[in-house]
């Protein structure tokens, strides 16, 4: 079942946001991001993939994940009064990109937003997950931690430079969840800064 975090304005943009592989839509990171974007003028719709609903730990195969995203997207589109965006944390963002690459979203998204795109498994840089990205024909925004083992800053810069309409926002000293260590961010502001930039991009 999906959950909607409404923005104050009914005709605000809507972001359909998918969770990462390790936890569902109720994870504190997901709820913080959803509530934070809603407060910044973006409706947010979250949902659980089937394996989470079934209390399994191993993600479903890609076709199942993609179909689930498409079904939630259609439902969100039927109620949206503003532009629609797709995205997610880690695996959720990758699944959004795979649906977009094969033009599976109806209607098409106004853009895609990725919070920690999993370019490759940690320690396995040759196992790339970007071959489909050049097929996407909508704007893309990547938020990526500089300490993220799923892709180095150099790899992410090269990736984005090779795409037609993409932007990279690096979180200095950030991890895969875009969080900085307490020594460099004692107030825990890194996520708020990401949300400020994400909302500004979506509502531009």
C-alpha atoms as a PDB file:
ATOM      1  CA  UNK A   1       0.000   0.000   0.000  1.00  0.00           C
ATOM      2  CA  UNK A   2       1.324   3.420  -0.917  1.00  0.00           C
ATOM      3  CA  UNK A   3       1.546   6.371   1.462  1.00  0.00           C
ATOM      4  CA  UNK A   4       1.096   9.987   0.377  1.00  0.00           C
ATOM      5  CA  UNK A   5       2.825  12.902   2.081  1.00  0.00           C
ATOM      6  CA  UNK A   6       0.878  15.949   0.874  1.00  0.00           C
ATOM      7  CA  UNK A   7       2.376  19.342   0.145  1.00  0.00           C
ATOM      8  CA  UNK A   8       0.451  22.468   1.192  1.00  0.00           C
ATOM      9  CA  UNK A   9      -0.535  23.294  -2.402  1.00  0.00           C
ATOM     10  CA  UNK A  10      -2.845  20.824  -4.223  1.00  0.00           C
ATOM     11  CA  UNK A  11      -1.302  21.431  -7.658  1.00  0.00           C
ATOM     12  CA  UNK A  12       2.288  20.987  -6.406  1.00  0.00           C
ATOM     13  CA  UNK A  13       4.625  18.542  -8.188  1.00  0.00           C
ATOM     14  CA  UNK A  14       4.524  14.899  -7.111  1.00  0.00           C
ATOM     15  CA  UNK A  15       7.530  12.635  -6.542  1.00  0.00           C
ATOM     16  CA  UNK A  16       6.958   8.865  -6.528  1.00  0.00           C
ATOM     17  CA  UNK A  17       9.818   7.708  -4.313  1.00  0.00           C
ATOM     18  CA  UNK A  18      10.981   4.079  -4.086  1.00  0.00           C
ATOM     19  CA  UNK A  19      12.925   2.626  -1.170  1.00  0.00           C
ATOM     20  CA  UNK A  20      16.325   0.937  -1.226  1.00  0.00           C
ATOM     21  CA  UNK A  21      17.023  -2.782  -1.094  1.00  0.00           C
ATOM     22  CA  UNK A  22      17.501  -3.103   2.653  1.00  0.00           C
ATOM     23  CA  UNK A  23      14.399  -1.446   4.080  1.00  0.00           C
ATOM     24  CA  UNK A  24      10.897  -0.375   3.072  1.00  0.00           C
ATOM     25  CA  UNK A  25       8.964   2.855   2.961  1.00  0.00           C
ATOM     26  CA  UNK A  26       8.672   3.092   6.777  1.00  0.00           C
ATOM     27  CA  UNK A  27      12.438   3.343   7.278  1.00  0.00           C
ATOM     28  CA  UNK A  28      13.357   6.582   9.107  1.00  0.00           C
ATOM     29  CA  UNK A  29      15.438   7.792   6.148  1.00  0.00           C
ATOM     30  CA  UNK A  30      12.471   7.399   3.789  1.00  0.00           C
ATOM     31  CA  UNK A  31       9.983   9.083   6.100  1.00  0.00           C
ATOM     32  CA  UNK A  32      12.375  11.950   6.819  1.00  0.00           C
ATOM     33  CA  UNK A  33      12.917  12.583   3.125  1.00  0.00           C
ATOM     34  CA  UNK A  34       9.216  12.279   2.283  1.00  0.00           C
ATOM     35  CA  UNK A  35       8.118  14.608   5.090  1.00  0.00           C
ATOM     36  CA  UNK A  36      10.936  17.016   4.323  1.00  0.00           C
ATOM     37  CA  UNK A  37      10.068  17.318   0.661  1.00  0.00           C
ATOM     38  CA  UNK A  38       6.364  17.670   1.441  1.00  0.00           C
ATOM     39  CA  UNK A  39       7.186  20.579   3.748  1.00  0.00           C
ATOM     40  CA  UNK A  40       9.164  22.097   0.869  1.00  0.00           C
ATOM     41  CA  UNK A  41       6.249  21.988  -1.558  1.00  0.00           C
ATOM     42  CA  UNK A  42       6.437  18.521  -3.145  1.00  0.00           C
ATOM     43  CA  UNK A  43       3.791  15.813  -2.772  1.00  0.00           C
ATOM     44  CA  UNK A  44       5.597  12.528  -2.109  1.00  0.00           C
ATOM     45  CA  UNK A  45       4.212   9.032  -2.693  1.00  0.00           C
ATOM     46  CA  UNK A  46       6.087   6.076  -1.166  1.00  0.00           C
ATOM     47  CA  UNK A  47       5.369   2.361  -1.420  1.00  0.00           C
ATOM     48  CA  UNK A  48       6.777  -1.070  -0.616  1.00  0.00           C
ATOM     49  CA  UNK A  49       7.976  -3.549  -3.206  1.00  0.00           C
ATOM     50  CA  UNK A  50       6.360  -7.021  -2.888  1.00  0.00           C
ATOM     51  CA  UNK A  51       9.283  -8.644  -1.081  1.00  0.00           C
ATOM     52  CA  UNK A  52       9.014  -6.093   1.725  1.00  0.00           C
ATOM     53  CA  UNK A  53       5.273  -6.661   2.042  1.00  0.00           C
ATOM     54  CA  UNK A  54       5.979 -10.406   2.205  1.00  0.00           C
ATOM     55  CA  UNK A  55       8.623  -9.858   4.929  1.00  0.00           C
ATOM     56  CA  UNK A  56      11.384 -11.270   2.740  1.00  0.00           C
ATOM     57  CA  UNK A  57      14.942  -9.956   2.729  1.00  0.00           C
ATOM     58  CA  UNK A  58      15.921 -10.670  -0.883  1.00  0.00           C
ATOM     59  CA  UNK A  59      14.559  -8.182  -3.442  1.00  0.00           C
ATOM     60  CA  UNK A  60      12.234  -9.367  -6.178  1.00  0.00           C
ATOM     61  CA  UNK A  61      13.578  -9.753  -9.705  1.00  0.00           C
ATOM     62  CA  UNK A  62      13.765  -6.612 -11.805  1.00  0.00           C
ATOM     63  CA  UNK A  63      10.570  -7.241 -13.843  1.00  0.00           C
ATOM     64  CA  UNK A  64       8.532  -7.505 -10.636  1.00  0.00           C
ATOM     65  CA  UNK A  65      10.105  -4.372  -9.160  1.00  0.00           C
ATOM     66  CA  UNK A  66       9.560  -2.436 -12.370  1.00  0.00           C
ATOM     67  CA  UNK A  67       5.934  -3.542 -12.712  1.00  0.00           C
ATOM     68  CA  UNK A  68       5.222  -2.537  -9.118  1.00  0.00           C
ATOM     69  CA  UNK A  69       6.712   0.921  -9.718  1.00  0.00           C
ATOM     70  CA  UNK A  70       4.602   1.315 -12.861  1.00  0.00           C
ATOM     71  CA  UNK A  71       1.408   0.377 -11.016  1.00  0.00           C
ATOM     72  CA  UNK A  72       2.063   2.883  -8.226  1.00  0.00           C
ATOM     73  CA  UNK A  73       2.947   5.487 -10.855  1.00  0.00           C
ATOM     74  CA  UNK A  74      -0.357   5.030 -12.676  1.00  0.00           C
ATOM     75  CA  UNK A  75      -2.262   5.411  -9.426  1.00  0.00           C
ATOM     76  CA  UNK A  76      -0.334   8.539  -8.462  1.00  0.00           C
ATOM     77  CA  UNK A  77      -0.805  10.015 -11.938  1.00  0.00           C
ATOM     78  CA  UNK A  78      -4.561   9.603 -11.693  1.00  0.00           C
ATOM     79  CA  UNK A  79      -4.613  11.952  -8.692  1.00  0.00           C
ATOM     80  CA  UNK A  80      -1.752  14.335  -9.473  1.00  0.00           C
ATOM     81  CA  UNK A  81      -2.553  17.908 -10.472  1.00  0.00           C
ATOM     82  CA  UNK A  82       1.041  18.997 -11.068  1.00  0.00           C
ATOM     83  CA  UNK A  83       4.150  17.564 -12.771  1.00  0.00           C
ATOM     84  CA  UNK A  84       5.195  14.003 -11.902  1.00  0.00           C
ATOM     85  CA  UNK A  85       8.724  12.945 -10.985  1.00  0.00           C
ATOM     86  CA  UNK A  86      10.101   9.468 -10.302  1.00  0.00           C
ATOM     87  CA  UNK A  87      13.041   8.467  -8.162  1.00  0.00           C
ATOM     88  CA  UNK A  88      14.307   6.584  -5.192  1.00  0.00           C
ATOM     89  CA  UNK A  89      17.016   5.704  -2.759  1.00  0.00           C
ATOM     90  CA  UNK A  90      19.726   3.397  -4.132  1.00  0.00           C
ATOM     91  CA  UNK A  91      17.956   0.381  -5.683  1.00  0.00           C
ATOM     92  CA  UNK A  92      14.672   2.280  -5.834  1.00  0.00           C
ATOM     93  CA  UNK A  93      16.264   4.941  -8.000  1.00  0.00           C
ATOM     94  CA  UNK A  94      17.839   2.328 -10.232  1.00  0.00           C
ATOM     95  CA  UNK A  95      14.460   0.683 -10.795  1.00  0.00           C
ATOM     96  CA  UNK A  96      12.944   4.070 -11.640  1.00  0.00           C
ATOM     97  CA  UNK A  97      15.696   4.590 -14.202  1.00  0.00           C
ATOM     98  CA  UNK A  98      15.114   1.170 -15.748  1.00  0.00           C
ATOM     99  CA  UNK A  99      11.411   1.855 -16.189  1.00  0.00           C
ATOM    100  CA  UNK A 100      12.182   5.262 -17.683  1.00  0.00           C
ATOM    101  CA  UNK A 101      14.801   3.825 -20.039  1.00  0.00           C
ATOM    102  CA  UNK A 102      12.233   1.546 -21.657  1.00  0.00           C
ATOM    103  CA  UNK A 103       9.607   4.328 -21.609  1.00  0.00           C
ATOM    104  CA  UNK A 104       7.449   2.390 -19.175  1.00  0.00           C
ATOM    105  CA  UNK A 105       6.039   5.365 -17.276  1.00  0.00           C
ATOM    106  CA  UNK A 106       2.616   6.555 -18.461  1.00  0.00           C
ATOM    107  CA  UNK A 107       2.498   9.518 -18.458  1.00  0.00           C
ATOM    108  CA  UNK A 108       6.251  10.150 -18.864  1.00  0.00           C
ATOM    109  CA  UNK A 109       7.974  11.743 -15.860  1.00  0.00           C
ATOM    110  CA  UNK A 110       9.085  15.362 -15.853  1.00  0.00           C
ATOM    111  CA  UNK A 111      12.389  14.172 -14.402  1.00  0.00           C
ATOM    112  CA  UNK A 112      14.190  11.535 -12.357  1.00  0.00           C
ATOM    113  CA  UNK A 113      15.912  12.016  -9.016  1.00  0.00           C
ATOM    114  CA  UNK A 114      18.399   9.608  -7.453  1.00  0.00           C
ATOM    115  CA  UNK A 115      19.482   9.536  -3.822  1.00  0.00           C
ATOM    116  CA  UNK A 116      22.664   7.435  -3.873  1.00  0.00           C
ATOM    117  CA  UNK A 117      22.577   5.788  -7.296  1.00  0.00           C
ATOM    118  CA  UNK A 118      24.159   2.284  -7.035  1.00  0.00           C
ATOM    119  CA  UNK A 119      26.524   2.544  -9.987  1.00  0.00           C
ATOM    120  CA  UNK A 120      28.211  -0.737  -9.039  1.00  0.00           C
ATOM    121  CA  UNK A 121      28.424  -3.029  -5.987  1.00  0.00           C
ATOM    122  CA  UNK A 122      31.036  -1.868  -3.454  1.00  0.00           C
ATOM    123  CA  UNK A 123      34.467  -3.170  -4.396  1.00  0.00           C
ATOM    124  CA  UNK A 124      33.292  -4.368  -7.831  1.00  0.00           C
ATOM    125  CA  UNK A 125      33.644  -1.358 -10.154  1.00  0.00           C
ATOM    126  CA  UNK A 126      33.487  -3.510 -13.285  1.00  0.00           C
ATOM    127  CA  UNK A 127      29.896  -4.583 -12.545  1.00  0.00           C
ATOM    128  CA  UNK A 128      28.272  -1.436 -13.874  1.00  0.00           C
ATOM    129  CA  UNK A 129      24.576  -0.587 -13.683  1.00  0.00           C
ATOM    130  CA  UNK A 130      24.515   2.322 -16.091  1.00  0.00           C
ATOM    131  CA  UNK A 131      24.182   0.832 -19.572  1.00  0.00           C
ATOM    132  CA  UNK A 132      20.516   1.840 -19.823  1.00  0.00           C
ATOM    133  CA  UNK A 133      20.908   5.421 -18.624  1.00  0.00           C
ATOM    134  CA  UNK A 134      21.714   6.986 -22.042  1.00  0.00           C
ATOM    135  CA  UNK A 135      18.280   5.782 -23.224  1.00  0.00           C
ATOM    136  CA  UNK A 136      16.529   8.108 -20.765  1.00  0.00           C
ATOM    137  CA  UNK A 137      15.242  11.284 -22.374  1.00  0.00           C
ATOM    138  CA  UNK A 138      14.177  13.309 -19.326  1.00  0.00           C
ATOM    139  CA  UNK A 139      16.272  15.429 -16.929  1.00  0.00           C
ATOM    140  CA  UNK A 140      18.069  13.544 -14.158  1.00  0.00           C
ATOM    141  CA  UNK A 141      19.436  14.717 -10.816  1.00  0.00           C
ATOM    142  CA  UNK A 142      21.944  12.567  -8.903  1.00  0.00           C
ATOM    143  CA  UNK A 143      22.695  13.130  -5.219  1.00  0.00           C
ATOM    144  CA  UNK A 144      25.766  11.150  -4.241  1.00  0.00           C
ATOM    145  CA  UNK A 145      27.934  10.912  -1.149  1.00  0.00           C
ATOM    146  CA  UNK A 146      31.650  11.411  -1.698  1.00  0.00           C
ATOM    147  CA  UNK A 147      32.316   8.358   0.527  1.00  0.00           C
ATOM    148  CA  UNK A 148      29.709   6.170  -1.177  1.00  0.00           C
ATOM    149  CA  UNK A 149      31.177   2.754  -1.992  1.00  0.00           C
ATOM    150  CA  UNK A 150      28.622   2.265  -4.766  1.00  0.00           C
ATOM    151  CA  UNK A 151      30.414   4.834  -6.921  1.00  0.00           C
ATOM    152  CA  UNK A 152      33.334   7.198  -6.450  1.00  0.00           C
ATOM    153  CA  UNK A 153      33.060  10.931  -7.154  1.00  0.00           C
ATOM    154  CA  UNK A 154      35.258  10.442 -10.225  1.00  0.00           C
ATOM    155  CA  UNK A 155      33.024   7.657 -11.534  1.00  0.00           C
ATOM    156  CA  UNK A 156      29.881   9.676 -10.950  1.00  0.00           C
ATOM    157  CA  UNK A 157      31.299  12.788 -12.621  1.00  0.00           C
ATOM    158  CA  UNK A 158      32.244  10.740 -15.667  1.00  0.00           C
ATOM    159  CA  UNK A 159      28.815   9.110 -15.722  1.00  0.00           C
ATOM    160  CA  UNK A 160      26.896  12.373 -15.596  1.00  0.00           C
ATOM    161  CA  UNK A 161      29.186  14.022 -18.152  1.00  0.00           C
ATOM    162  CA  UNK A 162      28.231  11.313 -20.622  1.00  0.00           C
ATOM    163  CA  UNK A 163      24.465  11.824 -20.235  1.00  0.00           C
ATOM    164  CA  UNK A 164      22.494  14.338 -22.240  1.00  0.00           C
ATOM    165  CA  UNK A 165      20.563  16.085 -19.445  1.00  0.00           C
ATOM    166  CA  UNK A 166      21.933  15.164 -16.029  1.00  0.00           C
ATOM    167  CA  UNK A 167      23.234  16.976 -12.982  1.00  0.00           C
ATOM    168  CA  UNK A 168      25.344  15.719 -10.090  1.00  0.00           C
ATOM    169  CA  UNK A 169      25.209  17.063  -6.534  1.00  0.00           C
ATOM    170  CA  UNK A 170      28.039  15.598  -4.479  1.00  0.00           C
ATOM    171  CA  UNK A 171      27.610  15.528  -0.707  1.00  0.00           C
ATOM    172  CA  UNK A 172      31.080  16.178   0.700  1.00  0.00           C
ATOM    173  CA  UNK A 173      32.043  13.413   3.135  1.00  0.00           C
ATOM    174  CA  UNK A 174      28.592  11.844   2.658  1.00  0.00           C
ATOM    175  CA  UNK A 175      27.915   8.103   2.749  1.00  0.00           C
ATOM    176  CA  UNK A 176      25.472   6.007   0.690  1.00  0.00           C
ATOM    177  CA  UNK A 177      22.593   7.632   2.592  1.00  0.00           C
ATOM    178  CA  UNK A 178      24.058  11.122   2.001  1.00  0.00           C
ATOM    179  CA  UNK A 179      24.882  11.460   5.702  1.00  0.00           C
ATOM    180  CA  UNK A 180      28.127  13.041   6.892  1.00  0.00           C
ATOM    181  CA  UNK A 181      30.020  11.915  10.007  1.00  0.00           C
ATOM    182  CA  UNK A 182      29.133  13.788  13.177  1.00  0.00           C
ATOM    183  CA  UNK A 183      32.633  15.260  13.331  1.00  0.00           C
ATOM    184  CA  UNK A 184      32.019  17.170  10.088  1.00  0.00           C
ATOM    185  CA  UNK A 185      28.257  17.666  10.445  1.00  0.00           C
ATOM    186  CA  UNK A 186      27.413  17.721  14.167  1.00  0.00           C
ATOM    187  CA  UNK A 187      23.942  19.158  13.565  1.00  0.00           C
ATOM    188  CA  UNK A 188      23.074  16.549  10.922  1.00  0.00           C
ATOM    189  CA  UNK A 189      22.275  19.108   8.256  1.00  0.00           C
ATOM    190  CA  UNK A 190      23.412  17.158   5.192  1.00  0.00           C
ATOM    191  CA  UNK A 191      19.978  15.662   4.503  1.00  0.00           C
ATOM    192  CA  UNK A 192      18.254  19.028   4.905  1.00  0.00           C
ATOM    193  CA  UNK A 193      20.664  20.539   2.384  1.00  0.00           C
ATOM    194  CA  UNK A 194      19.923  17.699  -0.034  1.00  0.00           C
ATOM    195  CA  UNK A 195      16.182  18.232   0.419  1.00  0.00           C
ATOM    196  CA  UNK A 196      16.536  21.973  -0.201  1.00  0.00           C
ATOM    197  CA  UNK A 197      18.323  21.293  -3.486  1.00  0.00           C
ATOM    198  CA  UNK A 198      15.937  18.498  -4.493  1.00  0.00           C
ATOM    199  CA  UNK A 199      12.835  20.597  -3.875  1.00  0.00           C
ATOM    200  CA  UNK A 200      14.322  23.560  -5.730  1.00  0.00           C
ATOM    201  CA  UNK A 201      15.074  21.332  -8.738  1.00  0.00           C
ATOM    202  CA  UNK A 202      11.633  19.716  -8.753  1.00  0.00           C
ATOM    203  CA  UNK A 203       9.724  22.963  -8.326  1.00  0.00           C
ATOM    204  CA  UNK A 204      11.932  25.017 -10.656  1.00  0.00           C
END
